[in-house]
C-alpha atoms as a PDB file:
ATOM      1  CA  MET A   1       5.155  16.952 -20.022  1.00  0.00           C
ATOM      2  CA  THR A   2       4.969  15.455 -16.286  1.00  0.00           C
ATOM      3  CA  ASP A   3       8.493  15.309 -14.445  1.00  0.00           C
ATOM      4  CA  ARG A   4       8.289  11.521 -14.685  1.00  0.00           C
ATOM      5  CA  ALA A   5       7.446  11.818 -18.453  1.00  0.00           C
ATOM      6  CA  SER A   6      10.849  14.092 -18.672  1.00  0.00           C
ATOM      7  CA  LEU A   7      12.720  11.590 -16.582  1.00  0.00           C
ATOM      8  CA  ALA A   8      11.886   8.325 -18.954  1.00  0.00           C
ATOM      9  CA  ALA A   9      12.499  10.485 -22.067  1.00  0.00           C
ATOM     10  CA  THR A  10      15.833  11.203 -20.907  1.00  0.00           C
ATOM     11  CA  LEU A  11      16.939   7.882 -19.832  1.00  0.00           C
ATOM     12  CA  THR A  12      15.383   6.251 -22.904  1.00  0.00           C
ATOM     13  CA  ASP A  13      17.143   9.170 -25.198  1.00  0.00           C
ATOM     14  CA  VAL A  14      20.511   8.975 -23.813  1.00  0.00           C
ATOM     15  CA  LEU A  15      21.029   5.280 -22.960  1.00  0.00           C
ATOM     16  CA  HIS A  16      19.127   4.250 -26.510  1.00  0.00           C
ATOM     17  CA  LEU A  17      17.006   1.901 -24.517  1.00  0.00           C
ATOM     18  CA  ARG A  18      14.860  -0.326 -26.717  1.00  0.00           C
ATOM     19  CA  GLN A  19      12.356  -0.583 -23.837  1.00  0.00           C
ATOM     20  CA  PRO A  20      10.671   2.079 -21.717  1.00  0.00           C
ATOM     21  CA  PRO A  21      11.729   2.532 -18.283  1.00  0.00           C
ATOM     22  CA  VAL A  22       9.193   0.784 -15.937  1.00  0.00           C
ATOM     23  CA  ALA A  23       7.561   2.050 -12.465  1.00  0.00           C
ATOM     24  CA  ILE A  24       6.849   0.106  -9.792  1.00  0.00           C
ATOM     25  CA  SER A  25       4.949   0.755  -6.670  1.00  0.00           C
ATOM     26  CA  PHE A  26       3.852  -1.092  -3.530  1.00  0.00           C
ATOM     27  CA  THR A  27       0.808   0.522  -1.869  1.00  0.00           C
ATOM     28  CA  ASP A  28      -2.386   0.222   0.401  1.00  0.00           C
ATOM     29  CA  LYS A  29      -4.730   1.734  -2.333  1.00  0.00           C
ATOM     30  CA  VAL A  30      -4.913   1.749  -5.940  1.00  0.00           C
ATOM     31  CA  PRO A  31      -4.865   5.219  -7.190  1.00  0.00           C
ATOM     32  CA  ASP A  32      -8.078   6.445  -9.099  1.00  0.00           C
ATOM     33  CA  GLY A  33      -8.430   5.391 -12.646  1.00  0.00           C
ATOM     34  CA  VAL A  34      -5.913   2.615 -12.704  1.00  0.00           C
ATOM     35  CA  ARG A  35      -7.277  -0.866 -13.715  1.00  0.00           C
ATOM     36  CA  THR A  36      -6.870  -4.376 -12.013  1.00  0.00           C
ATOM     37  CA  TRP A  37      -5.066  -6.999 -14.046  1.00  0.00           C
ATOM     38  CA  ASP A  38      -7.526  -9.195 -15.241  1.00  0.00           C
ATOM     39  CA  GLY A  39      -5.479 -12.070 -16.756  1.00  0.00           C
ATOM     40  CA  THR A  40      -2.822 -14.489 -15.857  1.00  0.00           C
ATOM     41  CA  VAL A  41       0.941 -14.785 -15.747  1.00  0.00           C
ATOM     42  CA  PRO A  42       3.278 -17.642 -15.101  1.00  0.00           C
ATOM     43  CA  ALA A  43       5.137 -15.349 -12.669  1.00  0.00           C
ATOM     44  CA  GLY A  44       5.375 -11.978 -11.377  1.00  0.00           C
ATOM     45  CA  CYS A  45       8.653 -10.810 -13.149  1.00  0.00           C
ATOM     46  CA  ARG A  46       6.142 -10.973 -16.529  1.00  0.00           C
ATOM     47  CA  PHE A  47       4.267  -7.674 -15.117  1.00  0.00           C
ATOM     48  CA  TRP A  48       7.779  -5.704 -16.084  1.00  0.00           C
ATOM     49  CA  GLN A  49       7.363  -6.680 -19.694  1.00  0.00           C
ATOM     50  CA  GLU A  50       3.278  -5.612 -19.604  1.00  0.00           C
ATOM     51  CA  ALA A  51       3.968  -2.613 -17.793  1.00  0.00           C
ATOM     52  CA  GLY A  52       5.615  -1.273 -20.660  1.00  0.00           C
ATOM     53  CA  LYS A  53       2.403  -1.033 -22.334  1.00  0.00           C
ATOM     54  CA  SER A  54      -0.170   0.403 -19.770  1.00  0.00           C
ATOM     55  CA  VAL A  55      -0.408   0.893 -15.914  1.00  0.00           C
ATOM     56  CA  PHE A  56      -2.017  -1.587 -13.804  1.00  0.00           C
ATOM     57  CA  ALA A  57      -2.685  -2.794 -10.518  1.00  0.00           C
ATOM     58  CA  THR A  58      -2.069  -6.515  -9.079  1.00  0.00           C
ATOM     59  CA  THR A  59      -2.855  -8.358  -5.889  1.00  0.00           C
ATOM     60  CA  ALA A  60      -1.009 -11.050  -4.474  1.00  0.00           C
ATOM     61  CA  GLN A  61      -3.419 -13.573  -6.220  1.00  0.00           C
ATOM     62  CA  HIS A  62      -2.123 -12.245  -9.503  1.00  0.00           C
ATOM     63  CA  HIS A  63       1.309 -13.516  -8.407  1.00  0.00           C
ATOM     64  CA  ASP A  64       0.753 -16.696  -7.021  1.00  0.00           C
ATOM     65  CA  LEU A  65       2.126 -18.765  -9.518  1.00  0.00           C
ATOM     66  CA  CYS A  66       5.626 -17.748  -8.698  1.00  0.00           C
ATOM     67  CA  ALA A  67       6.270 -19.172  -4.971  1.00  0.00           C
ATOM     68  CA  LEU A  68       9.994 -17.272  -5.202  1.00  0.00           C
ATOM     69  CA  GLY A  69       8.331 -14.273  -6.667  1.00  0.00           C
ATOM     70  CA  THR A  70       5.565 -14.103  -3.847  1.00  0.00           C
ATOM     71  CA  TYR A  71       8.161 -14.603  -1.091  1.00  0.00           C
ATOM     72  CA  THR A  72      10.770 -11.850  -2.549  1.00  0.00           C
ATOM     73  CA  HIS A  73       7.855  -9.181  -2.680  1.00  0.00           C
ATOM     74  CA  ASN A  74       6.429 -10.431   0.850  1.00  0.00           C
ATOM     75  CA  LEU A  75       2.959 -10.590  -0.557  1.00  0.00           C
ATOM     76  CA  GLU A  76       0.520 -12.465   1.811  1.00  0.00           C
ATOM     77  CA  THR A  77      -0.163 -16.031   0.579  1.00  0.00           C
ATOM     78  CA  ASP A  78      -1.927 -18.955   2.438  1.00  0.00           C
ATOM     79  CA  ALA A  79      -0.987 -22.603   3.326  1.00  0.00           C
ATOM     80  CA  ALA A  80      -1.401 -24.357  -0.265  1.00  0.00           C
ATOM     81  CA  HIS A  81       1.045 -21.603  -1.705  1.00  0.00           C
ATOM     82  CA  GLU A  82       3.762 -22.028   1.308  1.00  0.00           C
ATOM     83  CA  SER A  83       3.408 -25.685   0.473  1.00  0.00           C
ATOM     84  CA  GLU A  84       3.948 -25.235  -3.264  1.00  0.00           C
ATOM     85  CA  ARG A  85       6.717 -23.103  -2.390  1.00  0.00           C
ATOM     86  CA  GLY A  86       8.195 -25.693  -0.090  1.00  0.00           C
ATOM     87  CA  GLU A  87       8.074 -28.100  -3.221  1.00  0.00           C
ATOM     88  CA  ALA A  88       9.682 -25.845  -5.356  1.00  0.00           C
ATOM     89  CA  LEU A  89      12.821 -25.123  -2.899  1.00  0.00           C
ATOM     90  CA  LYS A  90      12.717 -29.057  -2.819  1.00  0.00           C
ATOM     91  CA  VAL A  91      13.133 -29.422  -6.705  1.00  0.00           C
ATOM     92  CA  PHE A  92      15.674 -26.238  -6.434  1.00  0.00           C
ATOM     93  CA  ALA A  93      17.742 -27.760  -3.922  1.00  0.00           C
ATOM     94  CA  HIS A  94      17.798 -31.176  -5.286  1.00  0.00           C
ATOM     95  CA  LEU A  95      19.380 -29.394  -8.406  1.00  0.00           C
ATOM     96  CA  GLY A  96      21.723 -27.371  -6.304  1.00  0.00           C
ATOM     97  CA  TYR A  97      20.081 -24.293  -7.701  1.00  0.00           C
ATOM     98  CA  VAL A  98      18.882 -22.838  -4.637  1.00  0.00           C
ATOM     99  CA  ARG A  99      20.157 -24.218  -1.258  1.00  0.00           C
ATOM    100  CA  GLU A 100      18.830 -24.008   1.936  1.00  0.00           C
ATOM    101  CA  ALA A 101      21.998 -21.780   3.111  1.00  0.00           C
ATOM    102  CA  ASP A 102      21.253 -19.493   0.080  1.00  0.00           C
ATOM    103  CA  ILE A 103      17.524 -18.734   1.254  1.00  0.00           C
ATOM    104  CA  PRO A 104      18.466 -16.147   3.853  1.00  0.00           C
ATOM    105  CA  LEU A 105      20.567 -14.305   1.212  1.00  0.00           C
ATOM    106  CA  ILE A 106      17.941 -13.642  -1.046  1.00  0.00           C
ATOM    107  CA  PRO A 107      16.795  -9.805  -0.511  1.00  0.00           C
ATOM    108  CA  VAL A 108      12.778  -9.904   0.486  1.00  0.00           C
ATOM    109  CA  LEU A 109      10.901  -6.663   1.101  1.00  0.00           C
ATOM    110  CA  ARG A 110      10.570  -5.711   4.430  1.00  0.00           C
ATOM    111  CA  GLU A 111       6.977  -4.179   4.515  1.00  0.00           C
ATOM    112  CA  ARG A 112       4.046  -5.897   3.102  1.00  0.00           C
ATOM    113  CA  ARG A 113       1.459  -4.033   0.912  1.00  0.00           C
ATOM    114  CA  PRO A 114      -1.653  -5.489  -0.776  1.00  0.00           C
ATOM    115  CA  TYR A 115      -1.098  -4.186  -4.160  1.00  0.00           C
ATOM    116  CA  VAL A 116       1.712  -3.956  -6.646  1.00  0.00           C
ATOM    117  CA  VAL A 117       1.159  -1.135  -9.127  1.00  0.00           C
ATOM    118  CA  TYR A 118       3.193  -1.595 -12.530  1.00  0.00           C
ATOM    119  CA  GLY A 119       3.509   0.942 -15.377  1.00  0.00           C
ATOM    120  CA  PRO A 120       5.676   2.909 -18.100  1.00  0.00           C
ATOM    121  CA  LEU A 121       7.368   5.410 -16.000  1.00  0.00           C
ATOM    122  CA  ALA A 122       6.415   8.131 -18.266  1.00  0.00           C
ATOM    123  CA  ASP A 123       2.791   7.435 -17.547  1.00  0.00           C
ATOM    124  CA  PHE A 124       2.832   6.689 -14.018  1.00  0.00           C
ATOM    125  CA  PRO A 125       0.047   7.800 -11.603  1.00  0.00           C
ATOM    126  CA  MET A 126       2.426   7.908  -8.196  1.00  0.00           C
ATOM    127  CA  GLY A 127       5.926   8.277  -6.925  1.00  0.00           C
ATOM    128  CA  PRO A 128       7.456   5.054  -8.108  1.00  0.00           C
ATOM    129  CA  ASP A 129       9.444   3.234  -5.305  1.00  0.00           C
ATOM    130  CA  VAL A 130      11.637   1.322  -8.004  1.00  0.00           C
ATOM    131  CA  VAL A 131      12.388   1.887 -11.765  1.00  0.00           C
ATOM    132  CA  LEU A 132      13.456  -0.944 -13.835  1.00  0.00           C
ATOM    133  CA  LEU A 133      15.603  -0.663 -17.163  1.00  0.00           C
ATOM    134  CA  PHE A 134      16.219  -3.346 -19.790  1.00  0.00           C
ATOM    135  CA  ALA A 135      19.726  -2.375 -20.211  1.00  0.00           C
ATOM    136  CA  ARG A 136      22.302  -4.038 -22.432  1.00  0.00           C
ATOM    137  CA  SER A 137      26.393  -3.979 -21.433  1.00  0.00           C
ATOM    138  CA  ASP A 138      27.116  -0.809 -22.991  1.00  0.00           C
ATOM    139  CA  GLN A 139      24.130   0.759 -21.269  1.00  0.00           C
ATOM    140  CA  SER A 140      24.891  -0.827 -18.005  1.00  0.00           C
ATOM    141  CA  LEU A 141      28.306   0.791 -18.163  1.00  0.00           C
ATOM    142  CA  ILE A 142      27.027   4.293 -18.000  1.00  0.00           C
ATOM    143  CA  LEU A 143      24.537   3.139 -15.147  1.00  0.00           C
ATOM    144  CA  THR A 144      27.344   1.941 -13.226  1.00  0.00           C
ATOM    145  CA  GLU A 145      29.568   4.546 -13.546  1.00  0.00           C
ATOM    146  CA  ALA A 146      26.730   6.806 -12.175  1.00  0.00           C
ATOM    147  CA  ALA A 147      25.896   4.546  -9.355  1.00  0.00           C
ATOM    148  CA  GLN A 148      29.795   4.846  -8.439  1.00  0.00           C
ATOM    149  CA  GLN A 149      29.728   8.501  -8.626  1.00  0.00           C
ATOM    150  CA  MET A 150      26.206   8.878  -6.935  1.00  0.00           C
ATOM    151  CA  GLU A 151      26.187   6.183  -4.400  1.00  0.00           C
ATOM    152  CA  GLY A 152      30.156   6.085  -3.488  1.00  0.00           C
ATOM    153  CA  GLY A 153      30.375   2.359  -4.549  1.00  0.00           C
ATOM    154  CA  LEU A 154      29.136  -0.282  -7.311  1.00  0.00           C
ATOM    155  CA  PRO A 155      25.784  -2.117  -7.231  1.00  0.00           C
ATOM    156  CA  PRO A 156      25.560  -5.825  -6.560  1.00  0.00           C
ATOM    157  CA  ALA A 157      25.614  -8.164  -9.823  1.00  0.00           C
ATOM    158  CA  MET A 158      22.671 -10.033  -8.798  1.00  0.00           C
ATOM    159  CA  GLY A 159      21.568 -13.391 -10.442  1.00  0.00           C
ATOM    160  CA  ARG A 160      18.391 -15.774  -9.346  1.00  0.00           C
ATOM    161  CA  PRO A 161      15.814 -14.869  -8.373  1.00  0.00           C
ATOM    162  CA  ALA A 162      15.632 -11.701 -10.660  1.00  0.00           C
ATOM    163  CA  CYS A 163      12.666 -10.553  -8.736  1.00  0.00           C
ATOM    164  CA  ALA A 164      15.122  -9.841  -5.871  1.00  0.00           C
ATOM    165  CA  ILE A 165      16.250  -6.858  -7.670  1.00  0.00           C
ATOM    166  CA  VAL A 166      13.218  -5.174  -6.571  1.00  0.00           C
ATOM    167  CA  PRO A 167      13.396  -5.787  -2.558  1.00  0.00           C
ATOM    168  CA  GLN A 168      17.197  -5.025  -3.148  1.00  0.00           C
ATOM    169  CA  ALA A 169      16.840  -1.368  -4.447  1.00  0.00           C
ATOM    170  CA  MET A 170      13.929  -0.653  -1.823  1.00  0.00           C
ATOM    171  CA  ASN A 171      15.680  -2.244   1.087  1.00  0.00           C
ATOM    172  CA  THR A 172      18.896  -0.543   0.541  1.00  0.00           C
ATOM    173  CA  GLY A 173      17.854   2.673  -1.315  1.00  0.00           C
ATOM    174  CA  ARG A 174      20.849   1.891  -3.810  1.00  0.00           C
ATOM    175  CA  THR A 175      20.848   0.940  -7.263  1.00  0.00           C
ATOM    176  CA  ALA A 176      21.185  -2.693  -8.391  1.00  0.00           C
ATOM    177  CA  LEU A 177      22.200  -4.598 -11.232  1.00  0.00           C
ATOM    178  CA  SER A 178      20.743  -8.197 -11.969  1.00  0.00           C
ATOM    179  CA  LEU A 179      21.836 -10.761 -14.846  1.00  0.00           C
ATOM    180  CA  GLY A 180      18.071 -12.114 -14.384  1.00  0.00           C
ATOM    181  CA  CYS A 181      17.567 -15.846 -13.884  1.00  0.00           C
ATOM    182  CA  CYS A 182      16.296 -18.658 -16.101  1.00  0.00           C
ATOM    183  CA  GLY A 183      12.824 -18.234 -14.902  1.00  0.00           C
ATOM    184  CA  ALA A 184      12.727 -14.823 -15.966  1.00  0.00           C
ATOM    185  CA  ARG A 185      14.414 -15.133 -19.351  1.00  0.00           C
ATOM    186  CA  ALA A 186      11.874 -18.054 -20.361  1.00  0.00           C
ATOM    187  CA  TYR A 187       8.789 -15.545 -19.108  1.00  0.00           C
ATOM    188  CA  LEU A 188       9.928 -12.214 -20.716  1.00  0.00           C
ATOM    189  CA  ASP A 189      10.219 -11.908 -24.221  1.00  0.00           C
ATOM    190  CA  VAL A 190      12.225  -8.378 -23.628  1.00  0.00           C
ATOM    191  CA  LEU A 191      14.738 -10.124 -21.411  1.00  0.00           C
ATOM    192  CA  THR A 192      17.264 -11.071 -24.537  1.00  0.00           C
ATOM    193  CA  PRO A 193      20.674 -12.857 -23.781  1.00  0.00           C
ATOM    194  CA  ASP A 194      21.968  -9.520 -24.496  1.00  0.00           C
ATOM    195  CA  VAL A 195      19.782  -7.766 -21.768  1.00  0.00           C
ATOM    196  CA  ALA A 196      20.173  -6.943 -18.196  1.00  0.00           C
ATOM    197  CA  LEU A 197      18.130  -5.521 -15.590  1.00  0.00           C
ATOM    198  CA  TYR A 198      19.138  -2.595 -13.556  1.00  0.00           C
ATOM    199  CA  ALA A 199      16.832  -1.154 -10.693  1.00  0.00           C
ATOM    200  CA  VAL A 200      16.890   2.510  -9.663  1.00  0.00           C
ATOM    201  CA  PRO A 201      15.348   3.557  -6.314  1.00  0.00           C
ATOM    202  CA  GLY A 202      12.440   6.010  -6.791  1.00  0.00           C
ATOM    203  CA  THR A 203      13.690   8.297  -4.147  1.00  0.00           C
ATOM    204  CA  GLY A 204      16.929   9.320  -6.027  1.00  0.00           C
ATOM    205  CA  LEU A 205      15.606   8.809  -9.740  1.00  0.00           C
ATOM    206  CA  SER A 206      15.933  12.446 -10.671  1.00  0.00           C
ATOM    207  CA  ALA A 207      19.451  13.005  -9.538  1.00  0.00           C
ATOM    208  CA  PHE A 208      20.390   9.550 -10.855  1.00  0.00           C
ATOM    209  CA  THR A 209      19.129  10.469 -14.096  1.00  0.00           C
ATOM    210  CA  GLU A 210      21.149  13.773 -14.258  1.00  0.00           C
ATOM    211  CA  ARG A 211      24.053  11.952 -13.650  1.00  0.00           C
ATOM    212  CA  VAL A 212      23.344   9.212 -16.384  1.00  0.00           C
ATOM    213  CA  ALA A 213      22.783  11.933 -18.970  1.00  0.00           C
ATOM    214  CA  THR A 214      25.947  13.809 -18.289  1.00  0.00           C
ATOM    215  CA  LEU A 215      27.985  10.548 -18.286  1.00  0.00           C
ATOM    216  CA  ALA A 216      26.257   9.306 -21.448  1.00  0.00           C
ATOM    217  CA  ARG A 217      27.378  12.172 -23.578  1.00  0.00           C
ATOM    218  CA  ALA A 218      30.989  11.677 -21.924  1.00  0.00           C
ATOM    219  CA  ASN A 219      30.895   8.227 -22.911  1.00  0.00           C
ATOM    220  CA  SER A 220      29.939   9.414 -26.509  1.00  0.00           C
ATOM    221  CA  ILE A 221      32.892  11.754 -26.691  1.00  0.00           C
ATOM    222  CA  LEU A 222      35.344   9.379 -25.037  1.00  0.00           C
ATOM    223  CA  THR A 223      34.392   6.572 -27.538  1.00  0.00           C
ATOM    224  CA  ALA A 224      34.969   8.614 -30.543  1.00  0.00           C
ATOM    225  CA  PHE A 225      38.294   9.616 -28.726  1.00  0.00           C
ATOM    226  CA  HIS A 226      39.862   5.865 -28.446  1.00  0.00           C
ATOM    227  CA  ALA A 227      38.053   5.069 -31.862  1.00  0.00           C
ATOM    228  CA  GLN A 228      40.707   7.667 -33.417  1.00  0.00           C
ATOM    229  CA  ARG A 229      43.752   6.732 -31.405  1.00  0.00           C
ATOM    230  CA  ARG A 230      42.844   2.727 -32.475  1.00  0.00           C
ATOM    231  CA  ARG A 231      42.918   4.065 -36.253  1.00  0.00           C
ATOM    232  CA  ASP A 232      46.097   6.118 -35.575  1.00  0.00           C
ATOM    233  CA  VAL A 233      48.092   3.200 -33.468  1.00  0.00           C
ATOM    234  CA  GLU A 234      47.122   0.398 -35.932  1.00  0.00           C
ATOM    235  CA  SER A 235      48.105   2.757 -38.797  1.00  0.00           C
ATOM    236  CA  GLY A 236      51.704   2.688 -37.156  1.00  0.00           C
ATOM    237  CA  ARG A 237      51.810   6.223 -35.485  1.00  0.00           C
ATOM    238  CA  ARG A 238      51.897   7.233 -31.846  1.00  0.00           C
ATOM    239  CA  PRO A 239      49.867  10.124 -31.595  1.00  0.00           C
ATOM    240  CA  THR A 240      49.917  12.181 -28.476  1.00  0.00           C
ATOM    241  CA  ILE A 241      46.226  12.988 -26.462  1.00  0.00           C
ATOM    242  CA  LYS A 242      46.232  16.345 -28.162  1.00  0.00           C
ATOM    243  CA  GLU A 243      47.021  14.946 -31.521  1.00  0.00           C
ATOM    244  CA  SER A 244      44.078  12.111 -31.212  1.00  0.00           C
ATOM    245  CA  LEU A 245      41.564  15.065 -29.823  1.00  0.00           C
ATOM    246  CA  ALA A 246      42.622  17.043 -32.911  1.00  0.00           C
ATOM    247  CA  ALA A 247      42.072  14.204 -35.463  1.00  0.00           C
ATOM    248  CA  MET A 248      38.809  13.163 -33.481  1.00  0.00           C
ATOM    249  CA  GLN A 249      37.394  17.213 -33.758  1.00  0.00           C
ATOM    250  CA  ALA A 250      38.654  17.212 -37.597  1.00  0.00           C
ATOM    251  CA  GLY A 251      36.676  14.386 -38.102  1.00  0.00           C
ATOM    252  CA  ASP A 252      33.772  15.723 -36.890  1.00  0.00           C
END
């Protein structure tokens, strides 16, 4: 098992993920043996779902149906695409969804690369720039606890556009939480109402995974402890910490 496969297995097992961790890399060259995407998607975020199945490379043209996605990922575009983005922003502004003052606040990838490679972390052929996790709120709890301990602070809870979570994690070198956006939730079947996105920079993936595993085990034990105390209190008792621990262990 490769190191990336081991990290993917650990994250999946300790967090009980329903979707595999997805890796993303921005590169000047497509790795040998990696196929180029040959279909059409309504937005680049759809690649996050497809990346759970296989490794593939994309160019800016594969992302060009989403004017905001090409903006956040700093992909090369032509005049027609820039005009399309302008039209989209007019509609967003009219709805009060993305106002002109909001645009400078949207994270944009600092460097431009011609290819974006996607795939399952377990099978990824190169070091990922970002790893995306599809996490429920209880899973995000553990991830944010790990971020607090590893990074000395809490990750931002981001909204639209969902694709901005990638440059946010890459530009800052820190993890990020995204609640998605209405577009991503329309395009991705795996982004169900109970699921959010969590991005981990590839540079700190190993240490972060180790901390997540420790906290997942701690949360499992403490959940049982708190459940025991609830049962005791609801039955009219006033247990001490030691008594609750003893009752929990006796129930194992």
